[in-house]
Amino acid sequence: MSYRKTLKLLCGVAGGSAVLVLAVGAAAEYRGNLGEPPGEAAGRWARFGVLRAAQPAWTPASHTPAPTGHAWDFNWDKRDPHTMTNGKKSNTPATEDPSSEQDTSKPKATRNILLIRHSQYNLSGTIDKERILTPLGREQADFTGKRLAALGLKYDVLVHSSMARATETANIISKHLAGVELVSCDLLREGAPIEPVPPVTHWKPDAVQYHEDGARIEAAFRRYIHRADPKQKEDSYEIIVCHANVIRYFVCRALQFPPEGWLRMGLNNGSITWLTIRPSGRVALRTLGDSGFMPPDKLTRT
């Protein structure tokens, strides 16, 4: 391999200043070992003196990501038992032992929320009832239903958006989940949750739409995304079939990421996003837009 090709390959793979310098040195030494006069090899290395001087020395401090300074808010859902008692702010006098009262108000179960994006639908429909699933969309919903059944979980409820495409997706999924109650909810309808950052040019809702949809979708988040009620004894598994914008906003809010970043994520039709909410208020994202259970030729994002 020639000197020039060796340098190009190593620089392309490394992508870092420290390894770049080492690569240049290694390439020069390589040429010297193959019979190049030592003086010529040293001169070739000296040509990179300016480049070498321009690269800062590597130190752990200069290459360690700095924390943002934003601590995790354990009372993000306003259900922290240390601040709430029976749904109300605790007013227990300092002379009384509040431990017994807090024990009864402390959540003990974990909530698992599986957010399903609706399947592919008819984009040419002008009104909601015309935006039904395509034949491929019905196949996708069937794959999702089979996947949920294969997980072997004891599902407590299947809530779905009242829009046609989400309702049809939920009905197909429910065929694989015998005995699971279906509940329709208007709050979960698709919309514009918050103006995305960075902005996009292909989709620009009016300010009033952000105002109205944002309040509704935030209300949906507060209704469905929170830690378990203290009366809940066992871990729960709840399915919510809704829309990409709603799911992405939920994920940002639940993980305490900037909600305006919701449009930086993409979700396939029929995909599964799994949030886990612990009794302590910790939230984990187990999967985001999982659709690996579908054949590649069945994947869409419309």
Protein backbone atom coordinates (compact mmCIF):
# COMPACT_ATOMS: atom_id res chain seq x y z
CA MET A 1 0.00 0.00 0.00
CA SER A 2 1.42 3.42 -0.95
CA TYR A 3 2.20 6.13 1.61
CA ARG A 4 -0.57 8.39 0.30
CA LYS A 5 -3.18 5.62 0.34
CA THR A 6 -2.15 4.53 3.83
CA LEU A 7 -2.52 8.08 5.15
CA LYS A 8 -5.91 8.54 3.48
CA LEU A 9 -7.26 5.26 4.83
CA LEU A 10 -6.13 5.82 8.38
CA CYS A 11 -7.38 9.40 8.48
CA GLY A 12 -10.75 8.36 7.10
CA VAL A 13 -11.21 5.61 9.70
CA ALA A 14 -9.87 7.52 12.67
CA GLY A 15 -11.60 10.85 12.26
CA GLY A 16 -9.71 12.23 15.27
CA SER A 17 -6.79 14.60 15.59
CA ALA A 18 -4.71 12.43 17.91
CA VAL A 19 -4.97 9.37 15.68
CA LEU A 20 -4.35 11.54 12.61
CA VAL A 21 -0.91 12.49 13.93
CA LEU A 22 -0.14 8.89 14.82
CA ALA A 23 -1.25 7.75 11.39
CA VAL A 24 1.06 10.20 9.67
CA GLY A 25 3.96 9.09 11.83
CA ALA A 26 3.22 5.43 11.24
CA ALA A 27 3.05 5.97 7.50
CA ALA A 28 6.36 7.82 7.46
CA GLU A 29 8.03 5.13 9.54
CA TYR A 30 6.57 2.51 7.23
CA ARG A 31 8.24 4.14 4.24
CA GLY A 32 11.51 4.39 6.11
CA ASN A 33 11.45 0.71 6.97
CA LEU A 34 11.01 -0.16 3.31
CA GLY A 35 14.28 1.44 2.34
CA GLU A 36 13.53 5.16 2.23
CA PRO A 37 16.56 7.16 3.47
CA PRO A 38 16.06 8.23 7.12
CA GLY A 39 16.62 11.88 6.30
CA GLU A 40 13.93 11.86 3.65
CA ALA A 41 11.47 10.16 6.02
CA ALA A 42 12.21 12.75 8.72
CA GLY A 43 11.68 15.56 6.24
CA ARG A 44 8.35 14.12 5.21
CA TRP A 45 7.24 14.01 8.87
CA ALA A 46 8.41 17.61 9.42
CA ARG A 47 6.01 18.83 6.73
CA PHE A 48 3.18 18.05 9.13
CA GLY A 49 4.59 20.19 11.91
CA VAL A 50 2.00 22.92 11.41
CA LEU A 51 -0.83 20.40 11.39
CA ARG A 52 0.55 18.71 14.50
CA ALA A 53 0.88 22.02 16.34
CA ALA A 54 -2.67 23.01 15.43
CA GLN A 55 -4.17 19.91 17.08
CA PRO A 56 -4.79 20.27 20.83
CA ALA A 57 -3.34 17.60 23.06
CA TRP A 58 -5.86 15.00 24.18
CA THR A 59 -6.91 15.20 27.80
CA PRO A 60 -9.87 13.58 29.56
CA ALA A 61 -11.18 17.01 30.50
CA SER A 62 -11.30 18.24 26.90
CA HIS A 63 -13.09 15.17 25.56
CA THR A 64 -15.60 14.42 28.31
CA PRO A 65 -19.19 15.57 27.65
CA ALA A 66 -20.25 18.19 30.13
CA PRO A 67 -23.55 17.75 31.99
CA THR A 68 -26.31 20.18 31.10
CA GLY A 69 -26.93 21.04 34.72
CA HIS A 70 -30.59 19.99 34.60
CA ALA A 71 -31.29 17.49 37.37
CA TRP A 72 -33.99 14.85 37.05
CA ASP A 73 -37.31 16.09 38.42
CA PHE A 74 -38.71 13.17 40.42
CA ASN A 75 -41.99 15.00 40.89
CA TRP A 76 -42.56 15.54 37.15
CA ASP A 77 -46.03 13.96 37.35
CA LYS A 78 -46.92 15.71 40.64
CA ARG A 79 -47.35 12.31 42.33
CA ASP A 80 -44.21 12.11 44.43
CA PRO A 81 -45.35 10.62 47.77
CA HIS A 82 -42.90 12.85 49.62
CA THR A 83 -44.91 15.89 48.57
CA MET A 84 -48.36 14.37 48.17
CA THR A 85 -50.64 12.50 50.55
CA ASN A 86 -53.84 10.96 49.19
CA GLY A 87 -53.58 13.21 46.14
CA LYS A 88 -53.17 16.36 48.19
CA LYS A 89 -50.16 18.23 49.46
CA SER A 90 -49.15 16.87 52.84
CA ASN A 91 -49.91 19.15 55.79
CA THR A 92 -48.80 16.70 58.50
CA PRO A 93 -47.56 18.62 61.55
CA ALA A 94 -43.85 18.32 62.21
CA THR A 95 -44.57 16.69 65.59
CA GLU A 96 -46.38 13.75 63.99
CA ASP A 97 -44.71 10.79 62.30
CA PRO A 98 -45.82 10.91 58.65
CA SER A 99 -44.21 7.54 57.74
CA SER A 100 -47.40 5.46 58.01
CA GLU A 101 -49.38 7.93 55.93
CA GLN A 102 -46.63 8.09 53.29
CA ASP A 103 -46.43 4.29 53.09
CA THR A 104 -50.08 4.07 52.09
CA SER A 105 -49.67 6.79 49.48
CA LYS A 106 -46.44 5.44 48.00
CA PRO A 107 -46.71 3.74 44.57
CA LYS A 108 -45.45 0.15 44.54
CA ALA A 109 -46.09 -1.00 40.98
CA THR A 110 -44.42 -0.25 37.65
CA ARG A 111 -46.43 0.95 34.67
CA ASN A 112 -45.45 -0.25 31.20
CA ILE A 113 -46.95 1.80 28.40
CA LEU A 114 -46.70 0.48 24.85
CA LEU A 115 -47.33 3.25 22.34
CA ILE A 116 -48.34 1.97 18.91
CA ARG A 117 -48.32 4.13 15.81
CA HIS A 118 -51.29 3.45 13.53
CA SER A 119 -50.72 1.52 10.30
CA GLN A 120 -50.47 2.91 6.76
CA TYR A 121 -53.64 4.67 5.67
CA ASN A 122 -55.27 6.27 2.65
CA LEU A 123 -53.55 9.65 2.28
CA SER A 124 -55.95 10.80 -0.44
CA GLY A 125 -58.89 10.97 1.94
CA THR A 126 -60.20 14.48 2.50
CA ILE A 127 -61.99 13.78 5.79
CA ASP A 128 -61.11 11.50 8.67
CA LYS A 129 -63.59 8.71 7.89
CA GLU A 130 -62.04 8.38 4.42
CA ARG A 131 -58.54 7.96 5.83
CA ILE A 132 -58.88 4.27 6.49
CA LEU A 133 -56.11 1.69 6.39
CA THR A 134 -54.72 0.48 3.10
CA PRO A 135 -54.44 -3.29 2.46
CA LEU A 136 -50.79 -3.02 3.50
CA GLY A 137 -51.83 -1.08 6.58
CA ARG A 138 -54.14 -3.89 7.64
CA GLU A 139 -51.27 -6.34 7.23
CA GLN A 140 -49.06 -4.13 9.37
CA ALA A 141 -51.66 -3.98 12.14
CA ASP A 142 -51.92 -7.76 12.03
CA PHE A 143 -48.14 -8.07 12.42
CA THR A 144 -48.25 -5.69 15.39
CA GLY A 145 -51.06 -7.63 17.03
CA LYS A 146 -49.15 -10.89 16.64
CA ARG A 147 -46.05 -9.29 18.09
CA LEU A 148 -47.89 -7.97 21.14
CA ALA A 149 -49.46 -11.38 21.70
CA ALA A 150 -46.08 -13.10 21.35
CA LEU A 151 -44.63 -10.98 24.13
CA GLY A 152 -46.84 -12.93 26.53
CA LEU A 153 -47.76 -9.94 28.67
CA LYS A 154 -50.95 -9.50 30.64
CA TYR A 155 -52.39 -6.36 29.08
CA ASP A 156 -54.77 -4.29 31.16
CA VAL A 157 -56.34 -2.04 28.53
CA LEU A 158 -56.04 -0.96 24.90
CA VAL A 159 -56.69 2.76 24.51
CA HIS A 160 -56.82 4.27 21.04
CA SER A 161 -57.24 7.59 19.32
CA SER A 162 -60.74 8.20 18.00
CA MET A 163 -59.42 8.91 14.49
CA ALA A 164 -60.35 6.32 11.85
CA ARG A 165 -56.86 5.00 11.13
CA ALA A 166 -56.01 4.52 14.81
CA THR A 167 -59.39 2.95 15.59
CA GLU A 168 -59.06 0.45 12.73
CA THR A 169 -55.50 -0.39 13.77
CA ALA A 170 -56.62 -1.00 17.36
CA ASN A 171 -59.51 -3.22 16.24
CA ILE A 172 -57.18 -5.44 14.22
CA ILE A 173 -54.66 -5.64 17.06
CA SER A 174 -57.38 -6.53 19.54
CA LYS A 175 -58.19 -9.71 17.60
CA HIS A 176 -54.92 -11.10 18.91
CA LEU A 177 -55.52 -9.95 22.50
CA ALA A 178 -58.67 -11.66 23.70
CA GLY A 179 -60.31 -10.09 26.71
CA VAL A 180 -58.45 -6.78 26.60
CA GLU A 181 -60.82 -3.81 26.88
CA LEU A 182 -60.84 -1.22 24.08
CA VAL A 183 -61.27 2.44 25.02
CA SER A 184 -61.50 5.36 22.56
CA CYS A 185 -60.08 8.76 23.48
CA ASP A 186 -60.35 12.09 21.65
CA LEU A 187 -57.32 13.53 23.45
CA LEU A 188 -55.06 11.15 21.53
CA ARG A 189 -56.00 12.47 18.08
CA GLU A 190 -53.16 13.61 15.82
CA GLY A 191 -52.06 17.23 15.90
CA ALA A 192 -49.25 19.74 16.24
CA PRO A 193 -47.96 19.48 19.83
CA ILE A 194 -45.37 22.26 19.80
CA GLU A 195 -43.41 24.15 17.16
CA PRO A 196 -40.40 21.95 16.33
CA VAL A 197 -36.78 23.03 16.67
CA PRO A 198 -35.11 23.15 14.23
CA PRO A 199 -38.03 24.25 12.06
CA VAL A 200 -38.97 22.45 8.87
CA THR A 201 -40.16 23.96 5.62
CA HIS A 202 -42.54 21.23 4.44
CA TRP A 203 -44.94 21.45 7.41
CA LYS A 204 -45.99 24.72 9.00
CA PRO A 205 -49.22 24.69 11.02
CA ASP A 206 -50.76 27.98 12.07
CA ALA A 207 -50.02 29.32 15.53
CA VAL A 208 -53.61 28.67 16.58
CA GLN A 209 -53.21 24.97 15.73
CA TYR A 210 -50.17 24.69 17.97
CA HIS A 211 -52.12 26.49 20.67
CA GLU A 212 -55.15 24.19 20.49
CA ASP A 213 -53.47 20.88 19.65
CA GLY A 214 -50.64 21.48 22.08
CA ALA A 215 -52.98 21.91 25.04
CA ARG A 216 -54.95 18.79 24.07
CA ILE A 217 -51.88 16.59 23.57
CA GLU A 218 -50.35 17.82 26.82
CA ALA A 219 -53.63 16.92 28.54
CA ALA A 220 -53.34 13.42 27.03
CA PHE A 221 -49.80 13.13 28.34
CA ARG A 222 -50.90 14.04 31.86
CA ARG A 223 -53.78 11.58 31.73
CA TYR A 224 -51.80 8.56 30.52
CA ILE A 225 -48.13 9.10 31.34
CA HIS A 226 -47.53 9.04 35.10
CA ARG A 227 -46.45 6.65 37.85
CA ALA A 228 -48.86 4.04 39.20
CA ASP A 229 -51.59 4.84 41.66
CA PRO A 230 -50.71 3.77 45.24
CA LYS A 231 -53.65 1.35 45.17
CA GLN A 232 -52.15 -0.53 42.21
CA LYS A 233 -50.51 -3.69 43.56
CA GLU A 234 -49.14 -5.35 40.41
CA ASP A 235 -47.18 -4.09 37.43
CA SER A 236 -49.40 -3.07 34.53
CA TYR A 237 -49.09 -3.25 30.74
CA GLU A 238 -51.18 -0.73 28.82
CA ILE A 239 -51.40 -0.28 25.06
CA ILE A 240 -52.07 3.09 23.46
CA VAL A 241 -52.67 3.21 19.70
CA CYS A 242 -52.30 6.73 18.39
CA HIS A 243 -50.12 8.87 16.12
CA ALA A 244 -46.48 9.71 15.42
CA ASN A 245 -46.60 13.32 16.63
CA VAL A 246 -48.34 12.33 19.85
CA ILE A 247 -45.94 9.48 20.57
CA ARG A 248 -42.83 11.53 19.88
CA TYR A 249 -44.05 14.34 22.11
CA PHE A 250 -44.87 11.83 24.87
CA VAL A 251 -41.35 10.38 24.68
CA CYS A 252 -39.69 13.79 24.94
CA ARG A 253 -41.86 14.82 27.87
CA ALA A 254 -41.50 11.51 29.72
CA LEU A 255 -37.70 11.52 29.41
CA GLN A 256 -37.56 15.22 30.31
CA PHE A 257 -35.97 16.07 26.98
CA PRO A 258 -36.81 19.41 25.32
CA PRO A 259 -40.31 18.77 23.89
CA GLU A 260 -39.58 20.93 20.85
CA GLY A 261 -37.21 18.18 19.69
CA TRP A 262 -40.05 15.74 18.94
CA LEU A 263 -39.72 16.02 15.15
CA ARG A 264 -36.11 14.82 15.22
CA MET A 265 -37.38 11.24 15.59
CA GLY A 266 -39.09 9.04 13.03
CA LEU A 267 -41.55 6.17 13.56
CA ASN A 268 -42.66 3.45 11.18
CA ASN A 269 -46.31 2.53 10.81
CA GLY A 270 -47.37 -0.11 13.30
CA SER A 271 -44.20 0.34 15.37
CA ILE A 272 -43.97 -0.17 19.13
CA THR A 273 -42.52 2.39 21.55
CA TRP A 274 -42.24 1.12 25.12
CA LEU A 275 -42.05 3.41 28.16
CA THR A 276 -41.52 2.11 31.70
CA ILE A 277 -42.44 4.26 34.69
CA ARG A 278 -41.11 3.15 38.07
CA PRO A 279 -42.76 3.90 41.43
CA SER A 280 -39.91 6.30 42.20
CA GLY A 281 -40.76 8.41 39.16
CA ARG A 282 -37.87 7.18 37.04
CA VAL A 283 -38.73 6.69 33.38
CA ALA A 284 -36.99 4.41 30.89
CA LEU A 285 -37.42 4.05 27.15
CA ARG A 286 -37.20 0.32 26.38
CA THR A 287 -37.86 0.59 22.66
CA LEU A 288 -38.44 3.46 20.24
CA GLY A 289 -40.35 2.69 17.05
CA ASP A 290 -39.62 -1.04 17.07
CA SER A 291 -40.84 -2.60 13.82
CA GLY A 292 -38.28 -5.37 13.41
CA PHE A 293 -41.04 -7.94 13.66
CA MET A 294 -42.28 -6.94 10.18
CA PRO A 295 -40.73 -8.07 6.90
CA PRO A 296 -38.65 -5.29 5.28
CA ASP A 297 -41.03 -4.99 2.34
CA LYS A 298 -43.91 -4.21 4.73
CA LEU A 299 -42.28 -1.19 6.38
CA THR A 300 -43.64 2.29 5.72
CA ARG A 301 -43.57 5.69 7.40
CA THR A 302 -46.60 7.57 6.05
